[in-house]
Every structure is written in structure tokens, then in C-alpha cells.
Amino acid sequence: MKLINNIGFILLAVYLILVGIGVLVNFAIPSILLGILAILAGIFILLGR
């Protein structure tokens, strides 16, 4: 298995995992944290890092 070197995609993966866990187990994750994580992932993906 090859690890992705792009931090934007890693942050996106973490975001999607946290949202999925939150939905499945009805766990309240602070929306400000998810918003910041989503913005950072988007910025890094656009920058290509």
C-alpha cells in the first residue's frame, strides 16, 4: 500500500473519517473543528502540496 504524500488529501481523509464516525455513532464533533479541517484540506489540495 502506497502512502499519499499530499497533506491536502491526508487532511481530507481525516475529515471524511471524522464525519463518517460522527454520523454512525451519533458523536458530536465541534463544527468549528471540522470547518477548519475542511478549509485547510481545500487550501492544500489547491496549492498541490
C-alpha atoms as a PDB file:
ATOM      1  CA  MET A   1       0.000   0.000   0.000  1.00  0.00           C
ATOM      2  CA  LYS A   2       1.395   3.382  -1.010  1.00  0.00           C
ATOM      3  CA  LEU A   3       1.110   6.320   1.396  1.00  0.00           C
ATOM      4  CA  ILE A   4      -0.119   9.602  -0.066  1.00  0.00           C
ATOM      5  CA  ASN A   5       2.440  12.401   0.245  1.00  0.00           C
ATOM      6  CA  ASN A   6      -0.081  15.190  -0.322  1.00  0.00           C
ATOM      7  CA  ILE A   7      -1.069  16.770   3.000  1.00  0.00           C
ATOM      8  CA  GLY A   8      -4.298  18.113   1.476  1.00  0.00           C
ATOM      9  CA  PHE A   9      -5.542  14.626   0.700  1.00  0.00           C
ATOM     10  CA  ILE A  10      -4.453  13.370   4.120  1.00  0.00           C
ATOM     11  CA  LEU A  11      -6.447  16.154   5.801  1.00  0.00           C
ATOM     12  CA  LEU A  12      -9.408  15.382   3.535  1.00  0.00           C
ATOM     13  CA  ALA A  13      -9.227  11.728   4.519  1.00  0.00           C
ATOM     14  CA  VAL A  14      -9.146  12.637   8.228  1.00  0.00           C
ATOM     15  CA  TYR A  15     -12.113  14.979   7.727  1.00  0.00           C
ATOM     16  CA  LEU A  16     -14.154  12.307   5.953  1.00  0.00           C
ATOM     17  CA  ILE A  17     -13.342   9.710   8.599  1.00  0.00           C
ATOM     18  CA  LEU A  18     -14.356  12.065  11.429  1.00  0.00           C
ATOM     19  CA  VAL A  19     -17.620  12.997   9.705  1.00  0.00           C
ATOM     20  CA  GLY A  20     -18.389   9.342   8.999  1.00  0.00           C
ATOM     21  CA  ILE A  21     -17.726   8.294  12.595  1.00  0.00           C
ATOM     22  CA  GLY A  22     -19.790  11.218  13.853  1.00  0.00           C
ATOM     23  CA  VAL A  23     -22.759  10.167  11.755  1.00  0.00           C
ATOM     24  CA  LEU A  24     -22.516   6.466  12.545  1.00  0.00           C
ATOM     25  CA  VAL A  25     -22.194   6.707  16.320  1.00  0.00           C
ATOM     26  CA  ASN A  26     -24.103   9.985  16.749  1.00  0.00           C
ATOM     27  CA  PHE A  27     -20.986  11.584  18.221  1.00  0.00           C
ATOM     28  CA  ALA A  28     -20.954  15.386  18.306  1.00  0.00           C
ATOM     29  CA  ILE A  29     -17.711  16.704  16.829  1.00  0.00           C
ATOM     30  CA  PRO A  30     -17.408  20.504  17.125  1.00  0.00           C
ATOM     31  CA  SER A  31     -18.348  22.010  13.791  1.00  0.00           C
ATOM     32  CA  ILE A  32     -15.651  24.696  14.095  1.00  0.00           C
ATOM     33  CA  LEU A  33     -13.003  21.945  14.135  1.00  0.00           C
ATOM     34  CA  LEU A  34     -14.474  20.238  11.081  1.00  0.00           C
ATOM     35  CA  GLY A  35     -14.771  23.568   9.272  1.00  0.00           C
ATOM     36  CA  ILE A  36     -11.128  24.453   9.890  1.00  0.00           C
ATOM     37  CA  LEU A  37     -10.041  20.979   8.820  1.00  0.00           C
ATOM     38  CA  ALA A  38     -12.089  21.222   5.605  1.00  0.00           C
ATOM     39  CA  ILE A  39     -10.671  24.671   4.771  1.00  0.00           C
ATOM     40  CA  LEU A  40      -7.096  23.514   5.351  1.00  0.00           C
ATOM     41  CA  ALA A  41      -7.617  20.428   3.198  1.00  0.00           C
ATOM     42  CA  GLY A  42      -9.063  22.525   0.377  1.00  0.00           C
ATOM     43  CA  ILE A  43      -6.220  25.035   0.502  1.00  0.00           C
ATOM     44  CA  PHE A  44      -3.524  22.357   0.463  1.00  0.00           C
ATOM     45  CA  ILE A  45      -5.213  20.477  -2.392  1.00  0.00           C
ATOM     46  CA  LEU A  46      -5.434  23.692  -4.437  1.00  0.00           C
ATOM     47  CA  LEU A  47      -1.796  24.500  -3.711  1.00  0.00           C
ATOM     48  CA  GLY A  48      -0.837  20.988  -4.763  1.00  0.00           C
ATOM     49  CA  ARG A  49       1.121  20.130  -1.606  1.00  0.00           C
END
